[in-house]
Amino acid sequence: MNRIEEFLSITRKDKEWLARSLHVELELIEKWCSNKKQPSINQLFEISYALEVNAGDIWVGRG
């Protein structure tokens, strides 16, 4: 699971901004934010770079 939507709120960014920053469809960002789909490790680092946060803070392990 991830905390992308939480960090978008914290950093005062929106899903559209993240989609443009990563050059992906808004639909994919929405799936990530709802945890219906998870980003790859590379995408997770791209997200953390764009949001200027630690990748480990975005990812929530199971268990």
PDB file of N, CA and C in Angstrom:
ATOM      1  N   MET A   1       0.839  -1.184   0.000  1.00  0.00           N
ATOM      2  CA  MET A   1       0.000   0.000   0.000  1.00  0.00           C
ATOM      3  C   MET A   1       0.883   1.246   0.000  1.00  0.00           C
ATOM      4  N   ASN A   2       0.294   2.326  -0.436  1.00  0.00           N
ATOM      5  CA  ASN A   2       1.062   3.565  -0.495  1.00  0.00           C
ATOM      6  C   ASN A   2       0.271   4.720   0.105  1.00  0.00           C
ATOM      7  N   ARG A   3       0.969   5.808   0.326  1.00  0.00           N
ATOM      8  CA  ARG A   3       0.378   7.007   0.913  1.00  0.00           C
ATOM      9  C   ARG A   3       0.495   8.192  -0.044  1.00  0.00           C
ATOM     10  N   ILE A   4       0.396   7.919  -1.327  1.00  0.00           N
ATOM     11  CA  ILE A   4       0.571   8.967  -2.336  1.00  0.00           C
ATOM     12  C   ILE A   4      -0.451  10.082  -2.142  1.00  0.00           C
ATOM     13  N   GLU A   5      -1.708   9.723  -1.972  1.00  0.00           N
ATOM     14  CA  GLU A   5      -2.743  10.752  -1.832  1.00  0.00           C
ATOM     15  C   GLU A   5      -2.487  11.619  -0.601  1.00  0.00           C
ATOM     16  N   GLU A   6      -2.059  11.001   0.481  1.00  0.00           N
ATOM     17  CA  GLU A   6      -1.737  11.753   1.705  1.00  0.00           C
ATOM     18  C   GLU A   6      -0.613  12.753   1.445  1.00  0.00           C
ATOM     19  N   PHE A   7       0.427  12.314   0.748  1.00  0.00           N
ATOM     20  CA  PHE A   7       1.553  13.206   0.484  1.00  0.00           C
ATOM     21  C   PHE A   7       1.217  14.275  -0.553  1.00  0.00           C
ATOM     22  N   LEU A   8       0.301  13.990  -1.453  1.00  0.00           N
ATOM     23  CA  LEU A   8      -0.171  15.045  -2.351  1.00  0.00           C
ATOM     24  C   LEU A   8      -0.820  16.154  -1.542  1.00  0.00           C
ATOM     25  N   SER A   9      -1.614  15.763  -0.555  1.00  0.00           N
ATOM     26  CA  SER A   9      -2.273  16.751   0.301  1.00  0.00           C
ATOM     27  C   SER A   9      -1.257  17.531   1.133  1.00  0.00           C
ATOM     28  N   ILE A  10      -0.313  16.815   1.726  1.00  0.00           N
ATOM     29  CA  ILE A  10       0.705  17.452   2.563  1.00  0.00           C
ATOM     30  C   ILE A  10       1.514  18.469   1.773  1.00  0.00           C
ATOM     31  N   THR A  11       1.856  18.109   0.543  1.00  0.00           N
ATOM     32  CA  THR A  11       2.689  18.984  -0.286  1.00  0.00           C
ATOM     33  C   THR A  11       1.857  19.977  -1.101  1.00  0.00           C
ATOM     34  N   ARG A  12       0.544  19.931  -0.905  1.00  0.00           N
ATOM     35  CA  ARG A  12      -0.386  20.838  -1.593  1.00  0.00           C
ATOM     36  C   ARG A  12      -0.289  20.742  -3.112  1.00  0.00           C
ATOM     37  N   LYS A  13      -0.144  19.500  -3.569  1.00  0.00           N
ATOM     38  CA  LYS A  13      -0.146  19.213  -5.009  1.00  0.00           C
ATOM     39  C   LYS A  13      -1.417  18.436  -5.312  1.00  0.00           C
ATOM     40  N   ASP A  14      -1.800  18.371  -6.578  1.00  0.00           N
ATOM     41  CA  ASP A  14      -2.979  17.586  -6.921  1.00  0.00           C
ATOM     42  C   ASP A  14      -2.603  16.461  -7.886  1.00  0.00           C
ATOM     43  N   LYS A  15      -3.565  15.587  -8.110  1.00  0.00           N
ATOM     44  CA  LYS A  15      -3.335  14.421  -8.962  1.00  0.00           C
ATOM     45  C   LYS A  15      -2.971  14.820 -10.386  1.00  0.00           C
ATOM     46  N   GLU A  16      -3.605  15.874 -10.872  1.00  0.00           N
ATOM     47  CA  GLU A  16      -3.313  16.341 -12.229  1.00  0.00           C
ATOM     48  C   GLU A  16      -1.858  16.787 -12.348  1.00  0.00           C
ATOM     49  N   TRP A  17      -1.383  17.511 -11.338  1.00  0.00           N
ATOM     50  CA  TRP A  17       0.004  17.957 -11.328  1.00  0.00           C
ATOM     51  C   TRP A  17       0.954  16.760 -11.353  1.00  0.00           C
ATOM     52  N   LEU A  18       0.663  15.747 -10.527  1.00  0.00           N
ATOM     53  CA  LEU A  18       1.529  14.569 -10.478  1.00  0.00           C
ATOM     54  C   LEU A  18       1.512  13.836 -11.812  1.00  0.00           C
ATOM     55  N   ALA A  19       0.351  13.706 -12.429  1.00  0.00           N
ATOM     56  CA  ALA A  19       0.255  13.043 -13.735  1.00  0.00           C
ATOM     57  C   ALA A  19       1.108  13.773 -14.775  1.00  0.00           C
ATOM     58  N   ARG A  20       1.016  15.101 -14.784  1.00  0.00           N
ATOM     59  CA  ARG A  20       1.839  15.880 -15.723  1.00  0.00           C
ATOM     60  C   ARG A  20       3.327  15.726 -15.407  1.00  0.00           C
ATOM     61  N   SER A  21       3.671  15.751 -14.129  1.00  0.00           N
ATOM     62  CA  SER A  21       5.081  15.656 -13.729  1.00  0.00           C
ATOM     63  C   SER A  21       5.701  14.323 -14.117  1.00  0.00           C
ATOM     64  N   LEU A  22       4.903  13.254 -14.043  1.00  0.00           N
ATOM     65  CA  LEU A  22       5.419  11.917 -14.337  1.00  0.00           C
ATOM     66  C   LEU A  22       5.131  11.474 -15.774  1.00  0.00           C
ATOM     67  N   HIS A  23       4.399  12.326 -16.524  1.00  0.00           N
ATOM     68  CA  HIS A  23       4.037  12.004 -17.909  1.00  0.00           C
ATOM     69  C   HIS A  23       3.244  10.695 -17.986  1.00  0.00           C
ATOM     70  N   VAL A  24       2.242  10.589 -17.094  1.00  0.00           N
ATOM     71  CA  VAL A  24       1.351   9.426 -17.096  1.00  0.00           C
ATOM     72  C   VAL A  24      -0.089   9.922 -17.117  1.00  0.00           C
ATOM     73  N   GLU A  25      -0.996   9.017 -17.384  1.00  0.00           N
ATOM     74  CA  GLU A  25      -2.419   9.349 -17.416  1.00  0.00           C
ATOM     75  C   GLU A  25      -2.942   9.589 -16.000  1.00  0.00           C
ATOM     76  N   LEU A  26      -3.878  10.505 -15.884  1.00  0.00           N
ATOM     77  CA  LEU A  26      -4.515  10.806 -14.608  1.00  0.00           C
ATOM     78  C   LEU A  26      -5.167   9.552 -14.028  1.00  0.00           C
ATOM     79  N   GLU A  27      -5.726   8.713 -14.875  1.00  0.00           N
ATOM     80  CA  GLU A  27      -6.368   7.474 -14.424  1.00  0.00           C
ATOM     81  C   GLU A  27      -5.395   6.600 -13.627  1.00  0.00           C
ATOM     82  N   LEU A  28      -4.143   6.544 -14.050  1.00  0.00           N
ATOM     83  CA  LEU A  28      -3.142   5.755 -13.333  1.00  0.00           C
ATOM     84  C   LEU A  28      -2.876   6.352 -11.951  1.00  0.00           C
ATOM     85  N   ILE A  29      -2.762   7.663 -11.884  1.00  0.00           N
ATOM     86  CA  ILE A  29      -2.551   8.329 -10.592  1.00  0.00           C
ATOM     87  C   ILE A  29      -3.719   8.023  -9.657  1.00  0.00           C
ATOM     88  N   GLU A  30      -4.937   8.062 -10.184  1.00  0.00           N
ATOM     89  CA  GLU A  30      -6.122   7.773  -9.369  1.00  0.00           C
ATOM     90  C   GLU A  30      -6.099   6.345  -8.845  1.00  0.00           C
ATOM     91  N   LYS A  31      -5.645   5.405  -9.656  1.00  0.00           N
ATOM     92  CA  LYS A  31      -5.537   4.011  -9.206  1.00  0.00           C
ATOM     93  C   LYS A  31      -4.481   3.872  -8.114  1.00  0.00           C
ATOM     94  N   TRP A  32      -3.372   4.583  -8.270  1.00  0.00           N
ATOM     95  CA  TRP A  32      -2.349   4.546  -7.225  1.00  0.00           C
ATOM     96  C   TRP A  32      -2.878   5.142  -5.926  1.00  0.00           C
ATOM     97  N   CYS A  33      -3.555   6.284  -6.039  1.00  0.00           N
ATOM     98  CA  CYS A  33      -4.049   6.975  -4.841  1.00  0.00           C
ATOM     99  C   CYS A  33      -5.103   6.163  -4.098  1.00  0.00           C
ATOM    100  N   SER A  34      -5.872   5.372  -4.816  1.00  0.00           N
ATOM    101  CA  SER A  34      -6.890   4.542  -4.178  1.00  0.00           C
ATOM    102  C   SER A  34      -6.346   3.163  -3.808  1.00  0.00           C
ATOM    103  N   ASN A  35      -5.080   2.930  -4.086  1.00  0.00           N
ATOM    104  CA  ASN A  35      -4.410   1.653  -3.825  1.00  0.00           C
ATOM    105  C   ASN A  35      -5.028   0.491  -4.597  1.00  0.00           C
ATOM    106  N   LYS A  36      -5.683   0.792  -5.721  1.00  0.00           N
ATOM    107  CA  LYS A  36      -6.188  -0.269  -6.600  1.00  0.00           C
ATOM    108  C   LYS A  36      -5.044  -0.854  -7.417  1.00  0.00           C
ATOM    109  N   LYS A  37      -3.997  -0.062  -7.570  1.00  0.00           N
ATOM    110  CA  LYS A  37      -2.790  -0.472  -8.284  1.00  0.00           C
ATOM    111  C   LYS A  37      -1.617   0.182  -7.578  1.00  0.00           C
ATOM    112  N   GLN A  38      -0.459  -0.471  -7.628  1.00  0.00           N
ATOM    113  CA  GLN A  38       0.721   0.067  -6.975  1.00  0.00           C
ATOM    114  C   GLN A  38       1.764   0.479  -8.020  1.00  0.00           C
ATOM    115  N   PRO A  39       2.472   1.566  -7.758  1.00  0.00           N
ATOM    116  CA  PRO A  39       3.538   1.960  -8.678  1.00  0.00           C
ATOM    117  C   PRO A  39       4.713   0.990  -8.592  1.00  0.00           C
ATOM    118  N   SER A  40       5.467   0.909  -9.674  1.00  0.00           N
ATOM    119  CA  SER A  40       6.700   0.107  -9.634  1.00  0.00           C
ATOM    120  C   SER A  40       7.698   0.808  -8.713  1.00  0.00           C
ATOM    121  N   ILE A  41       8.773   0.148  -8.409  1.00  0.00           N
ATOM    122  CA  ILE A  41       9.815   0.751  -7.573  1.00  0.00           C
ATOM    123  C   ILE A  41      10.357   2.012  -8.247  1.00  0.00           C
ATOM    124  N   ASN A  42      10.614   1.936  -9.545  1.00  0.00           N
ATOM    125  CA  ASN A  42      11.102   3.116 -10.270  1.00  0.00           C
ATOM    126  C   ASN A  42      10.096   4.256 -10.209  1.00  0.00           C
ATOM    127  N   GLN A  43       8.817   3.931 -10.397  1.00  0.00           N
ATOM    128  CA  GLN A  43       7.783   4.956 -10.332  1.00  0.00           C
ATOM    129  C   GLN A  43       7.685   5.544  -8.924  1.00  0.00           C
ATOM    130  N   LEU A  44       7.846   4.699  -7.915  1.00  0.00           N
ATOM    131  CA  LEU A  44       7.800   5.173  -6.533  1.00  0.00           C
ATOM    132  C   LEU A  44       8.893   6.211  -6.290  1.00  0.00           C
ATOM    133  N   PHE A  45      10.080   5.957  -6.800  1.00  0.00           N
ATOM    134  CA  PHE A  45      11.167   6.929  -6.646  1.00  0.00           C
ATOM    135  C   PHE A  45      10.894   8.201  -7.456  1.00  0.00           C
ATOM    136  N   GLU A  46      10.291   8.071  -8.629  1.00  0.00           N
ATOM    137  CA  GLU A  46       9.923   9.254  -9.412  1.00  0.00           C
ATOM    138  C   GLU A  46       8.885  10.090  -8.669  1.00  0.00           C
ATOM    139  N   ILE A  47       7.918   9.419  -8.039  1.00  0.00           N
ATOM    140  CA  ILE A  47       6.895  10.105  -7.258  1.00  0.00           C
ATOM    141  C   ILE A  47       7.532  10.833  -6.084  1.00  0.00           C
ATOM    142  N   SER A  48       8.401  10.146  -5.365  1.00  0.00           N
ATOM    143  CA  SER A  48       9.039  10.763  -4.198  1.00  0.00           C
ATOM    144  C   SER A  48       9.903  11.948  -4.608  1.00  0.00           C
ATOM    145  N   TYR A  49      10.573  11.845  -5.752  1.00  0.00           N
ATOM    146  CA  TYR A  49      11.386  12.952  -6.248  1.00  0.00           C
ATOM    147  C   TYR A  49      10.497  14.151  -6.589  1.00  0.00           C
ATOM    148  N   ALA A  50       9.390  13.871  -7.281  1.00  0.00           N
ATOM    149  CA  ALA A  50       8.475  14.947  -7.677  1.00  0.00           C
ATOM    150  C   ALA A  50       7.873  15.636  -6.452  1.00  0.00           C
ATOM    151  N   LEU A  51       7.540  14.858  -5.429  1.00  0.00           N
ATOM    152  CA  LEU A  51       6.922  15.416  -4.226  1.00  0.00           C
ATOM    153  C   LEU A  51       7.943  15.890  -3.192  1.00  0.00           C
ATOM    154  N   GLU A  52       9.220  15.623  -3.485  1.00  0.00           N
ATOM    155  CA  GLU A  52      10.311  16.002  -2.584  1.00  0.00           C
ATOM    156  C   GLU A  52      10.133  15.394  -1.195  1.00  0.00           C
ATOM    157  N   VAL A  53       9.845  14.079  -1.184  1.00  0.00           N
ATOM    158  CA  VAL A  53       9.717  13.322   0.063  1.00  0.00           C
ATOM    159  C   VAL A  53      10.502  12.026  -0.068  1.00  0.00           C
ATOM    160  N   ASN A  54      10.716  11.362   1.034  1.00  0.00           N
ATOM    161  CA  ASN A  54      11.437  10.100   1.058  1.00  0.00           C
ATOM    162  C   ASN A  54      10.541   8.993   0.527  1.00  0.00           C
ATOM    163  N   ALA A  55      11.067   8.197  -0.391  1.00  0.00           N
ATOM    164  CA  ALA A  55      10.279   7.098  -0.972  1.00  0.00           C
ATOM    165  C   ALA A  55       9.800   6.135   0.106  1.00  0.00           C
ATOM    166  N   GLY A  56      10.604   5.903   1.128  1.00  0.00           N
ATOM    167  CA  GLY A  56      10.219   5.005   2.198  1.00  0.00           C
ATOM    168  C   GLY A  56       9.023   5.507   2.998  1.00  0.00           C
ATOM    169  N   ASP A  57       8.811   6.801   3.002  1.00  0.00           N
ATOM    170  CA  ASP A  57       7.664   7.369   3.718  1.00  0.00           C
ATOM    171  C   ASP A  57       6.363   7.162   2.945  1.00  0.00           C
ATOM    172  N   ILE A  58       6.468   7.038   1.637  1.00  0.00           N
ATOM    173  CA  ILE A  58       5.275   6.855   0.807  1.00  0.00           C
ATOM    174  C   ILE A  58       4.786   5.419   0.870  1.00  0.00           C
ATOM    175  N   TRP A  59       5.708   4.485   0.944  1.00  0.00           N
ATOM    176  CA  TRP A  59       5.360   3.060   0.900  1.00  0.00           C
ATOM    177  C   TRP A  59       5.003   2.562   2.292  1.00  0.00           C
ATOM    178  N   VAL A  60       3.891   1.837   2.386  1.00  0.00           N
ATOM    179  CA  VAL A  60       3.455   1.233   3.643  1.00  0.00           C
ATOM    180  C   VAL A  60       3.454  -0.278   3.412  1.00  0.00           C
ATOM    181  N   GLY A  61       4.356  -0.973   4.109  1.00  0.00           N
ATOM    182  CA  GLY A  61       4.438  -2.418   3.956  1.00  0.00           C
ATOM    183  C   GLY A  61       3.240  -3.128   4.554  1.00  0.00           C
ATOM    184  N   ARG A  62       3.009  -4.315   4.104  1.00  0.00           N
ATOM    185  CA  ARG A  62       1.905  -5.111   4.643  1.00  0.00           C
ATOM    186  C   ARG A  62       2.347  -5.789   5.920  1.00  0.00           C
ATOM    187  N   GLY A  63       1.415  -5.917   6.846  1.00  0.00           N
ATOM    188  CA  GLY A  63       1.712  -6.656   8.065  1.00  0.00           C
ATOM    189  C   GLY A  63       1.935  -5.764   9.164  1.00  0.00           C
TER     190      GLY A  63
END
